[in-house]
Amino acid sequence: MSTTFLGSWFEYAQLALNGLLVTLLLFLILRQRAEKNSLHKETYDKVETIVESLVKIAKEHEVISKQFEANLETKRSLILELTAQLDQLINRAAEVISRLERIIEEAKEIETSSSVTNPEHERILSLARKGFTVQSIAHQVNKPVGEVELIINLYKATLNKRK
């Protein structure tokens, strides 16, 4: 995109410079005639003024052109830098997503493997989570205190192993 724009920009600049050269040639031709003929003095002065204006415009054009090229190069380097930063951020985000997906999978595995299949055990663990004492749980489920303690401790040991 920018090469086409710059190409046309330089073509216009070349056309302007060609026009300036043609004008200078006309100026020289008219100057020679003016020297021969004093009647052309007024025309010569007008052409000389125009040529001076064109030279001034050409110099201004050159300065603007150089500033434009410098601005384009600055913007190009900024775009490249921003693109590199965005690529780094995208890579970091992909790594974070990958880690989160692994964590989710591990959590699903723990959830499925730690689920209690025995309804009596599930009731005992549910009561324990609610804060009931071992004696109270044993009384509610009609089991010995030792068996209730064993079920709760085995479940805790299973969880600790996974961590």
C-alpha atoms as a PDB file:
ATOM      1  CA  MET A   1       0.000   0.000   0.000  1.00  0.00           C
ATOM      2  CA  SER A   2       2.666   2.516   1.010  1.00  0.00           C
ATOM      3  CA  THR A   3       4.964   1.652  -1.908  1.00  0.00           C
ATOM      4  CA  THR A   4       2.224   2.533  -4.396  1.00  0.00           C
ATOM      5  CA  PHE A   5       1.531   5.789  -2.591  1.00  0.00           C
ATOM      6  CA  LEU A   6       5.245   6.629  -2.404  1.00  0.00           C
ATOM      7  CA  GLY A   7       5.652   5.650  -6.053  1.00  0.00           C
ATOM      8  CA  SER A   8       2.957   8.085  -7.127  1.00  0.00           C
ATOM      9  CA  TRP A   9       4.375  10.711  -4.736  1.00  0.00           C
ATOM     10  CA  PHE A  10       7.791  10.456  -6.389  1.00  0.00           C
ATOM     11  CA  GLU A  11       6.247  10.528  -9.859  1.00  0.00           C
ATOM     12  CA  TYR A  12       4.559  13.827  -9.015  1.00  0.00           C
ATOM     13  CA  ALA A  13       7.829  15.129  -7.627  1.00  0.00           C
ATOM     14  CA  GLN A  14       9.605  14.128 -10.857  1.00  0.00           C
ATOM     15  CA  LEU A  15       6.940  15.857 -12.940  1.00  0.00           C
ATOM     16  CA  ALA A  16       7.317  19.005 -10.849  1.00  0.00           C
ATOM     17  CA  LEU A  17      11.084  18.974 -11.292  1.00  0.00           C
ATOM     18  CA  ASN A  18      10.722  18.400 -15.051  1.00  0.00           C
ATOM     19  CA  GLY A  19       8.380  21.369 -15.206  1.00  0.00           C
ATOM     20  CA  LEU A  20      10.920  23.439 -13.312  1.00  0.00           C
ATOM     21  CA  LEU A  21      13.671  22.493 -15.768  1.00  0.00           C
ATOM     22  CA  VAL A  22      11.493  23.431 -18.739  1.00  0.00           C
ATOM     23  CA  THR A  23      10.730  26.751 -17.072  1.00  0.00           C
ATOM     24  CA  LEU A  24      14.441  27.369 -16.482  1.00  0.00           C
ATOM     25  CA  LEU A  25      15.178  26.639 -20.133  1.00  0.00           C
ATOM     26  CA  LEU A  26      12.485  29.084 -21.181  1.00  0.00           C
ATOM     27  CA  PHE A  27      13.955  31.592 -18.777  1.00  0.00           C
ATOM     28  CA  LEU A  28      17.407  31.238 -20.335  1.00  0.00           C
ATOM     29  CA  ILE A  29      16.022  31.538 -23.844  1.00  0.00           C
ATOM     30  CA  LEU A  30      14.015  34.617 -22.914  1.00  0.00           C
ATOM     31  CA  ARG A  31      17.001  36.069 -21.134  1.00  0.00           C
ATOM     32  CA  GLN A  32      19.099  35.814 -24.263  1.00  0.00           C
ATOM     33  CA  ARG A  33      16.368  37.462 -26.298  1.00  0.00           C
ATOM     34  CA  ALA A  34      15.875  40.119 -23.632  1.00  0.00           C
ATOM     35  CA  GLU A  35      19.486  41.023 -23.806  1.00  0.00           C
ATOM     36  CA  LYS A  36      19.061  41.455 -27.550  1.00  0.00           C
ATOM     37  CA  ASN A  37      15.850  43.308 -27.304  1.00  0.00           C
ATOM     38  CA  SER A  38      15.171  45.762 -24.480  1.00  0.00           C
ATOM     39  CA  LEU A  39      11.423  45.606 -25.185  1.00  0.00           C
ATOM     40  CA  HIS A  40      11.314  42.189 -23.589  1.00  0.00           C
ATOM     41  CA  LYS A  41      12.724  43.554 -20.331  1.00  0.00           C
ATOM     42  CA  GLU A  42       9.295  43.594 -18.670  1.00  0.00           C
ATOM     43  CA  THR A  43       8.576  40.023 -19.777  1.00  0.00           C
ATOM     44  CA  TYR A  44      12.012  38.985 -18.642  1.00  0.00           C
ATOM     45  CA  ASP A  45      11.383  40.418 -15.145  1.00  0.00           C
ATOM     46  CA  LYS A  46       8.044  38.598 -14.903  1.00  0.00           C
ATOM     47  CA  VAL A  47       9.564  35.305 -15.982  1.00  0.00           C
ATOM     48  CA  GLU A  48      12.444  35.789 -13.567  1.00  0.00           C
ATOM     49  CA  THR A  49       9.957  36.350 -10.721  1.00  0.00           C
ATOM     50  CA  ILE A  50       8.063  33.208 -11.714  1.00  0.00           C
ATOM     51  CA  VAL A  51      11.269  31.162 -11.878  1.00  0.00           C
ATOM     52  CA  GLU A  52      12.336  32.384  -8.446  1.00  0.00           C
ATOM     53  CA  SER A  53       8.920  31.405  -7.088  1.00  0.00           C
ATOM     54  CA  LEU A  54       9.200  27.974  -8.699  1.00  0.00           C
ATOM     55  CA  VAL A  55      12.668  27.445  -7.238  1.00  0.00           C
ATOM     56  CA  LYS A  56      11.344  28.411  -3.807  1.00  0.00           C
ATOM     57  CA  ILE A  57       8.399  26.010  -4.215  1.00  0.00           C
ATOM     58  CA  ALA A  58      10.757  23.209  -5.307  1.00  0.00           C
ATOM     59  CA  LYS A  59      12.914  23.701  -2.196  1.00  0.00           C
ATOM     60  CA  GLU A  60       9.837  23.697   0.050  1.00  0.00           C
ATOM     61  CA  HIS A  61       8.615  20.586  -1.750  1.00  0.00           C
ATOM     62  CA  GLU A  62      11.913  18.842  -1.058  1.00  0.00           C
ATOM     63  CA  VAL A  63      11.777  19.716   2.661  1.00  0.00           C
ATOM     64  CA  ILE A  64       8.173  18.520   2.967  1.00  0.00           C
ATOM     65  CA  SER A  65       9.005  15.338   1.080  1.00  0.00           C
ATOM     66  CA  LYS A  66      11.869  14.512   3.452  1.00  0.00           C
ATOM     67  CA  GLN A  67       9.677  15.197   6.491  1.00  0.00           C
ATOM     68  CA  PHE A  68       6.966  12.979   5.045  1.00  0.00           C
ATOM     69  CA  GLU A  69       9.407  10.118   4.459  1.00  0.00           C
ATOM     70  CA  ALA A  70      10.774  10.459   8.008  1.00  0.00           C
ATOM     71  CA  ASN A  71       7.245  10.387   9.439  1.00  0.00           C
ATOM     72  CA  LEU A  72       6.402   7.293   7.404  1.00  0.00           C
ATOM     73  CA  GLU A  73       9.513   5.503   8.629  1.00  0.00           C
ATOM     74  CA  THR A  74       8.729   6.416  12.248  1.00  0.00           C
ATOM     75  CA  LYS A  75       5.183   5.097  11.915  1.00  0.00           C
ATOM     76  CA  ARG A  76       6.420   1.922  10.243  1.00  0.00           C
ATOM     77  CA  SER A  77       8.846   1.190  13.074  1.00  0.00           C
ATOM     78  CA  LEU A  78       6.131   1.894  15.660  1.00  0.00           C
ATOM     79  CA  ILE A  79       3.771  -0.510  13.910  1.00  0.00           C
ATOM     80  CA  LEU A  80       6.448  -3.210  13.857  1.00  0.00           C
ATOM     81  CA  GLU A  81       7.144  -2.688  17.562  1.00  0.00           C
ATOM     82  CA  LEU A  82       3.447  -2.815  18.461  1.00  0.00           C
ATOM     83  CA  THR A  83       2.979  -5.944  16.367  1.00  0.00           C
ATOM     84  CA  ALA A  84       5.828  -7.656  18.227  1.00  0.00           C
ATOM     85  CA  GLN A  85       4.312  -6.665  21.583  1.00  0.00           C
ATOM     86  CA  LEU A  86       0.901  -7.964  20.513  1.00  0.00           C
ATOM     87  CA  ASP A  87       2.463 -11.258  19.422  1.00  0.00           C
ATOM     88  CA  GLN A  88       4.064 -11.625  22.858  1.00  0.00           C
ATOM     89  CA  LEU A  89       0.766 -10.898  24.594  1.00  0.00           C
ATOM     90  CA  ILE A  90      -1.058 -13.402  22.398  1.00  0.00           C
ATOM     91  CA  ASN A  91       1.552 -16.067  23.209  1.00  0.00           C
ATOM     92  CA  ARG A  92       1.226 -15.359  26.942  1.00  0.00           C
ATOM     93  CA  ALA A  93      -2.565 -15.543  26.714  1.00  0.00           C
ATOM     94  CA  ALA A  94      -2.322 -18.882  24.898  1.00  0.00           C
ATOM     95  CA  GLU A  95      -0.058 -20.217  27.672  1.00  0.00           C
ATOM     96  CA  VAL A  96      -2.503 -19.044  30.356  1.00  0.00           C
ATOM     97  CA  ILE A  97      -5.414 -20.641  28.498  1.00  0.00           C
ATOM     98  CA  SER A  98      -3.487 -23.894  28.218  1.00  0.00           C
ATOM     99  CA  ARG A  99      -2.712 -23.871  31.956  1.00  0.00           C
ATOM    100  CA  LEU A 100      -6.332 -23.125  32.813  1.00  0.00           C
ATOM    101  CA  GLU A 101      -7.532 -25.981  30.614  1.00  0.00           C
ATOM    102  CA  ARG A 102      -5.144 -28.376  32.412  1.00  0.00           C
ATOM    103  CA  ILE A 103      -6.363 -27.133  35.804  1.00  0.00           C
ATOM    104  CA  ILE A 104      -9.984 -27.618  34.760  1.00  0.00           C
ATOM    105  CA  GLU A 105      -9.238 -31.166  33.588  1.00  0.00           C
ATOM    106  CA  GLU A 106      -7.436 -31.960  36.849  1.00  0.00           C
ATOM    107  CA  ALA A 107     -10.365 -30.556  38.830  1.00  0.00           C
ATOM    108  CA  LYS A 108     -12.794 -32.708  36.849  1.00  0.00           C
ATOM    109  CA  GLU A 109     -10.643 -35.792  37.506  1.00  0.00           C
ATOM    110  CA  ILE A 110     -10.492 -35.031  41.212  1.00  0.00           C
ATOM    111  CA  GLU A 111     -14.227 -34.391  41.331  1.00  0.00           C
ATOM    112  CA  THR A 112     -15.090 -37.643  39.576  1.00  0.00           C
ATOM    113  CA  SER A 113     -12.559 -39.750  41.486  1.00  0.00           C
ATOM    114  CA  SER A 114     -13.419 -38.259  44.866  1.00  0.00           C
ATOM    115  CA  SER A 115     -17.129 -38.725  44.562  1.00  0.00           C
ATOM    116  CA  VAL A 116     -18.452 -41.157  47.093  1.00  0.00           C
ATOM    117  CA  THR A 117     -20.511 -43.967  45.607  1.00  0.00           C
ATOM    118  CA  ASN A 118     -21.871 -45.312  48.878  1.00  0.00           C
ATOM    119  CA  PRO A 119     -24.932 -43.287  49.966  1.00  0.00           C
ATOM    120  CA  GLU A 120     -24.223 -43.921  53.670  1.00  0.00           C
ATOM    121  CA  HIS A 121     -20.664 -42.631  53.265  1.00  0.00           C
ATOM    122  CA  GLU A 122     -21.955 -39.593  51.365  1.00  0.00           C
ATOM    123  CA  ARG A 123     -24.396 -38.825  54.207  1.00  0.00           C
ATOM    124  CA  ILE A 124     -21.599 -39.187  56.799  1.00  0.00           C
ATOM    125  CA  LEU A 125     -19.288 -36.848  54.817  1.00  0.00           C
ATOM    126  CA  SER A 126     -22.100 -34.361  54.261  1.00  0.00           C
ATOM    127  CA  LEU A 127     -22.830 -34.192  57.992  1.00  0.00           C
ATOM    128  CA  ALA A 128     -19.100 -33.816  58.719  1.00  0.00           C
ATOM    129  CA  ARG A 129     -18.885 -30.919  56.259  1.00  0.00           C
ATOM    130  CA  LYS A 130     -21.787 -29.267  58.047  1.00  0.00           C
ATOM    131  CA  GLY A 131     -19.836 -29.394  61.299  1.00  0.00           C
ATOM    132  CA  PHE A 132     -21.502 -32.231  63.197  1.00  0.00           C
ATOM    133  CA  THR A 133     -19.352 -34.123  65.701  1.00  0.00           C
ATOM    134  CA  VAL A 134     -18.332 -37.712  65.058  1.00  0.00           C
ATOM    135  CA  GLN A 135     -20.539 -38.881  67.938  1.00  0.00           C
ATOM    136  CA  SER A 136     -23.581 -37.009  66.578  1.00  0.00           C
ATOM    137  CA  ILE A 137     -22.992 -38.380  63.063  1.00  0.00           C
ATOM    138  CA  ALA A 138     -22.632 -41.941  64.427  1.00  0.00           C
ATOM    139  CA  HIS A 139     -25.896 -41.591  66.305  1.00  0.00           C
ATOM    140  CA  GLN A 140     -27.767 -40.188  63.238  1.00  0.00           C
ATOM    141  CA  VAL A 141     -26.566 -42.883  60.811  1.00  0.00           C
ATOM    142  CA  ASN A 142     -26.736 -45.625  63.397  1.00  0.00           C
ATOM    143  CA  LYS A 143     -23.069 -46.654  62.998  1.00  0.00           C
ATOM    144  CA  PRO A 144     -20.253 -47.097  65.502  1.00  0.00           C
ATOM    145  CA  VAL A 145     -18.085 -43.997  66.210  1.00  0.00           C
ATOM    146  CA  GLY A 146     -14.938 -45.829  65.014  1.00  0.00           C
ATOM    147  CA  GLU A 147     -16.489 -46.619  61.628  1.00  0.00           C
ATOM    148  CA  VAL A 148     -17.594 -42.980  61.159  1.00  0.00           C
ATOM    149  CA  GLU A 149     -14.089 -41.763  62.079  1.00  0.00           C
ATOM    150  CA  LEU A 150     -12.559 -44.258  59.654  1.00  0.00           C
ATOM    151  CA  ILE A 151     -14.778 -43.113  56.748  1.00  0.00           C
ATOM    152  CA  ILE A 152     -14.039 -39.429  57.399  1.00  0.00           C
ATOM    153  CA  ASN A 153     -10.262 -40.009  57.786  1.00  0.00           C
ATOM    154  CA  LEU A 154     -10.042 -42.145  54.641  1.00  0.00           C
ATOM    155  CA  TYR A 155     -11.813 -39.446  52.641  1.00  0.00           C
ATOM    156  CA  LYS A 156      -9.462 -36.745  54.026  1.00  0.00           C
ATOM    157  CA  ALA A 157      -6.418 -38.935  53.263  1.00  0.00           C
ATOM    158  CA  THR A 158      -7.613 -39.436  49.695  1.00  0.00           C
ATOM    159  CA  LEU A 159      -7.964 -35.671  49.237  1.00  0.00           C
ATOM    160  CA  ASN A 160      -4.529 -34.964  50.751  1.00  0.00           C
ATOM    161  CA  LYS A 161      -2.873 -37.478  48.411  1.00  0.00           C
ATOM    162  CA  ARG A 162      -4.197 -35.655  45.385  1.00  0.00           C
ATOM    163  CA  LYS A 163      -2.918 -32.295  46.530  1.00  0.00           C
END
